[in-house]
Amino acid sequence: MSPNIYNYTDWIGEVNPKVLCENLTGILEKSGYTIVNFIDYHFTGTGYTCVWLLAQSHLAVHTFPEDNKTYIELSGCNESMNNKFKILLKEWFETYE
């Protein structure tokens, strides 16, 4: 059996680092991911980048506050976890509408 990596990328309309970290950590956990480590960096003036190292791969987040958007990229080796993440992310943003 050959290995598979399932990638999901999206732009979301939240740029607050605290809100992003709290919600995305919860979504990862509810999706079944195991968080191994977390690292982040606040750019001087504007912008924020963070990465969750997962037992199943990683989630990277890069904010662009000047455009009020954030780029997310989830790579994982479990298709059902990736699908669950997508569903929960969509549900989170439906609460904004």
C-alpha atoms as a PDB file:
ATOM      1  CA  MET A   1       0.000   0.000   0.000  1.00  0.00           C
ATOM      2  CA  SER A   2       1.425   3.389  -0.962  1.00  0.00           C
ATOM      3  CA  PRO A   3       1.163   6.377   1.385  1.00  0.00           C
ATOM      4  CA  ASN A   4      -1.385   9.107   0.706  1.00  0.00           C
ATOM      5  CA  ILE A   5      -1.433  12.721   1.793  1.00  0.00           C
ATOM      6  CA  TYR A   6      -4.736  14.555   1.651  1.00  0.00           C
ATOM      7  CA  ASN A   7      -4.389  18.332   1.297  1.00  0.00           C
ATOM      8  CA  TYR A   8      -6.968  20.967   2.018  1.00  0.00           C
ATOM      9  CA  THR A   9      -6.403  24.688   1.471  1.00  0.00           C
ATOM     10  CA  ASP A  10      -8.777  27.563   1.984  1.00  0.00           C
ATOM     11  CA  TRP A  11      -9.036  31.277   2.685  1.00  0.00           C
ATOM     12  CA  ILE A  12     -11.067  32.256   5.732  1.00  0.00           C
ATOM     13  CA  GLY A  13     -12.266  35.632   6.984  1.00  0.00           C
ATOM     14  CA  GLU A  14     -10.801  35.600  10.491  1.00  0.00           C
ATOM     15  CA  VAL A  15      -7.408  37.154  11.307  1.00  0.00           C
ATOM     16  CA  ASN A  16      -7.397  37.365  15.110  1.00  0.00           C
ATOM     17  CA  PRO A  17      -4.621  35.001  16.298  1.00  0.00           C
ATOM     18  CA  LYS A  18      -6.395  34.117  19.555  1.00  0.00           C
ATOM     19  CA  VAL A  19      -9.680  33.304  17.820  1.00  0.00           C
ATOM     20  CA  LEU A  20      -7.882  31.292  15.126  1.00  0.00           C
ATOM     21  CA  CYS A  21      -5.828  29.264  17.589  1.00  0.00           C
ATOM     22  CA  GLU A  22      -8.705  28.458  19.925  1.00  0.00           C
ATOM     23  CA  ASN A  23     -11.109  27.458  17.170  1.00  0.00           C
ATOM     24  CA  LEU A  24      -8.672  25.598  14.927  1.00  0.00           C
ATOM     25  CA  THR A  25      -7.254  23.644  17.873  1.00  0.00           C
ATOM     26  CA  GLY A  26     -10.787  22.580  18.766  1.00  0.00           C
ATOM     27  CA  ILE A  27     -11.596  21.656  15.174  1.00  0.00           C
ATOM     28  CA  LEU A  28      -8.412  19.583  14.887  1.00  0.00           C
ATOM     29  CA  GLU A  29      -9.207  17.735  18.122  1.00  0.00           C
ATOM     30  CA  LYS A  30     -12.843  17.104  17.130  1.00  0.00           C
ATOM     31  CA  SER A  31     -11.618  15.809  13.761  1.00  0.00           C
ATOM     32  CA  GLY A  32      -9.517  13.196  15.550  1.00  0.00           C
ATOM     33  CA  TYR A  33      -6.074  14.704  14.999  1.00  0.00           C
ATOM     34  CA  THR A  34      -3.358  14.314  17.607  1.00  0.00           C
ATOM     35  CA  ILE A  35      -1.554  17.603  18.226  1.00  0.00           C
ATOM     36  CA  VAL A  36       2.137  16.938  18.845  1.00  0.00           C
ATOM     37  CA  ASN A  37       3.402  20.519  18.955  1.00  0.00           C
ATOM     38  CA  PHE A  38       2.428  24.094  18.170  1.00  0.00           C
ATOM     39  CA  ILE A  39       4.579  27.047  17.158  1.00  0.00           C
ATOM     40  CA  ASP A  40       3.644  30.573  16.174  1.00  0.00           C
ATOM     41  CA  TYR A  41       5.182  33.855  15.151  1.00  0.00           C
ATOM     42  CA  HIS A  42       3.767  37.395  15.333  1.00  0.00           C
ATOM     43  CA  PHE A  43       5.237  39.640  12.661  1.00  0.00           C
ATOM     44  CA  THR A  44       6.180  43.184  13.661  1.00  0.00           C
ATOM     45  CA  GLY A  45       3.363  45.495  12.711  1.00  0.00           C
ATOM     46  CA  THR A  46       0.993  42.987  11.160  1.00  0.00           C
ATOM     47  CA  GLY A  47       0.568  39.358  10.297  1.00  0.00           C
ATOM     48  CA  TYR A  48       0.723  36.063  12.095  1.00  0.00           C
ATOM     49  CA  THR A  49       1.858  32.562  11.185  1.00  0.00           C
ATOM     50  CA  CYS A  50       1.405  29.348  13.123  1.00  0.00           C
ATOM     51  CA  VAL A  51       1.790  25.619  12.622  1.00  0.00           C
ATOM     52  CA  TRP A  52       0.279  22.669  14.421  1.00  0.00           C
ATOM     53  CA  LEU A  53       2.489  19.612  14.122  1.00  0.00           C
ATOM     54  CA  LEU A  54       0.139  16.642  14.052  1.00  0.00           C
ATOM     55  CA  ALA A  55       0.844  12.958  14.469  1.00  0.00           C
ATOM     56  CA  GLN A  56      -0.940  12.716  11.110  1.00  0.00           C
ATOM     57  CA  SER A  57       0.990  15.656   9.447  1.00  0.00           C
ATOM     58  CA  HIS A  58       0.372  19.428   9.928  1.00  0.00           C
ATOM     59  CA  LEU A  59      -1.869  22.504   9.739  1.00  0.00           C
ATOM     60  CA  ALA A  60      -0.309  25.837   8.725  1.00  0.00           C
ATOM     61  CA  VAL A  61      -1.985  29.244   9.050  1.00  0.00           C
ATOM     62  CA  HIS A  62      -0.875  32.585   7.600  1.00  0.00           C
ATOM     63  CA  THR A  63      -2.848  35.781   8.247  1.00  0.00           C
ATOM     64  CA  PHE A  64      -3.107  38.777   5.963  1.00  0.00           C
ATOM     65  CA  PRO A  65      -4.819  41.345   8.226  1.00  0.00           C
ATOM     66  CA  GLU A  66      -4.501  44.114   5.645  1.00  0.00           C
ATOM     67  CA  ASP A  67      -6.867  42.063   3.457  1.00  0.00           C
ATOM     68  CA  ASN A  68      -8.893  40.617   6.360  1.00  0.00           C
ATOM     69  CA  LYS A  69      -8.169  37.021   5.342  1.00  0.00           C
ATOM     70  CA  THR A  70      -6.191  34.001   6.444  1.00  0.00           C
ATOM     71  CA  TYR A  71      -4.764  31.170   4.393  1.00  0.00           C
ATOM     72  CA  ILE A  72      -4.954  27.701   5.907  1.00  0.00           C
ATOM     73  CA  GLU A  73      -3.347  24.503   4.663  1.00  0.00           C
ATOM     74  CA  LEU A  74      -4.034  21.121   6.191  1.00  0.00           C
ATOM     75  CA  SER A  75      -2.019  18.112   5.112  1.00  0.00           C
ATOM     76  CA  GLY A  76      -2.875  14.771   6.624  1.00  0.00           C
ATOM     77  CA  CYS A  77      -2.634  11.087   5.946  1.00  0.00           C
ATOM     78  CA  ASN A  78      -6.212  10.311   7.011  1.00  0.00           C
ATOM     79  CA  GLU A  79      -8.898  11.216   4.486  1.00  0.00           C
ATOM     80  CA  SER A  80     -11.809  10.921   6.927  1.00  0.00           C
ATOM     81  CA  MET A  81     -10.100  13.278   9.418  1.00  0.00           C
ATOM     82  CA  ASN A  82      -9.480  15.800   6.638  1.00  0.00           C
ATOM     83  CA  ASN A  83     -13.125  15.571   5.582  1.00  0.00           C
ATOM     84  CA  LYS A  84     -14.294  16.050   9.174  1.00  0.00           C
ATOM     85  CA  PHE A  85     -11.996  19.091   9.506  1.00  0.00           C
ATOM     86  CA  LYS A  86     -13.550  20.648   6.375  1.00  0.00           C
ATOM     87  CA  ILE A  87     -17.076  20.097   7.678  1.00  0.00           C
ATOM     88  CA  LEU A  88     -16.301  21.554  11.110  1.00  0.00           C
ATOM     89  CA  LEU A  89     -14.490  24.542   9.598  1.00  0.00           C
ATOM     90  CA  LYS A  90     -17.501  25.278   7.403  1.00  0.00           C
ATOM     91  CA  GLU A  91     -19.819  24.977  10.422  1.00  0.00           C
ATOM     92  CA  TRP A  92     -17.635  27.412  12.379  1.00  0.00           C
ATOM     93  CA  PHE A  93     -17.883  30.014   9.635  1.00  0.00           C
ATOM     94  CA  GLU A  94     -21.614  29.552   9.213  1.00  0.00           C
ATOM     95  CA  THR A  95     -21.909  31.055  12.699  1.00  0.00           C
ATOM     96  CA  TYR A  96     -20.401  34.285  11.303  1.00  0.00           C
ATOM     97  CA  GLU A  97     -23.232  34.739   8.798  1.00  0.00           C
END
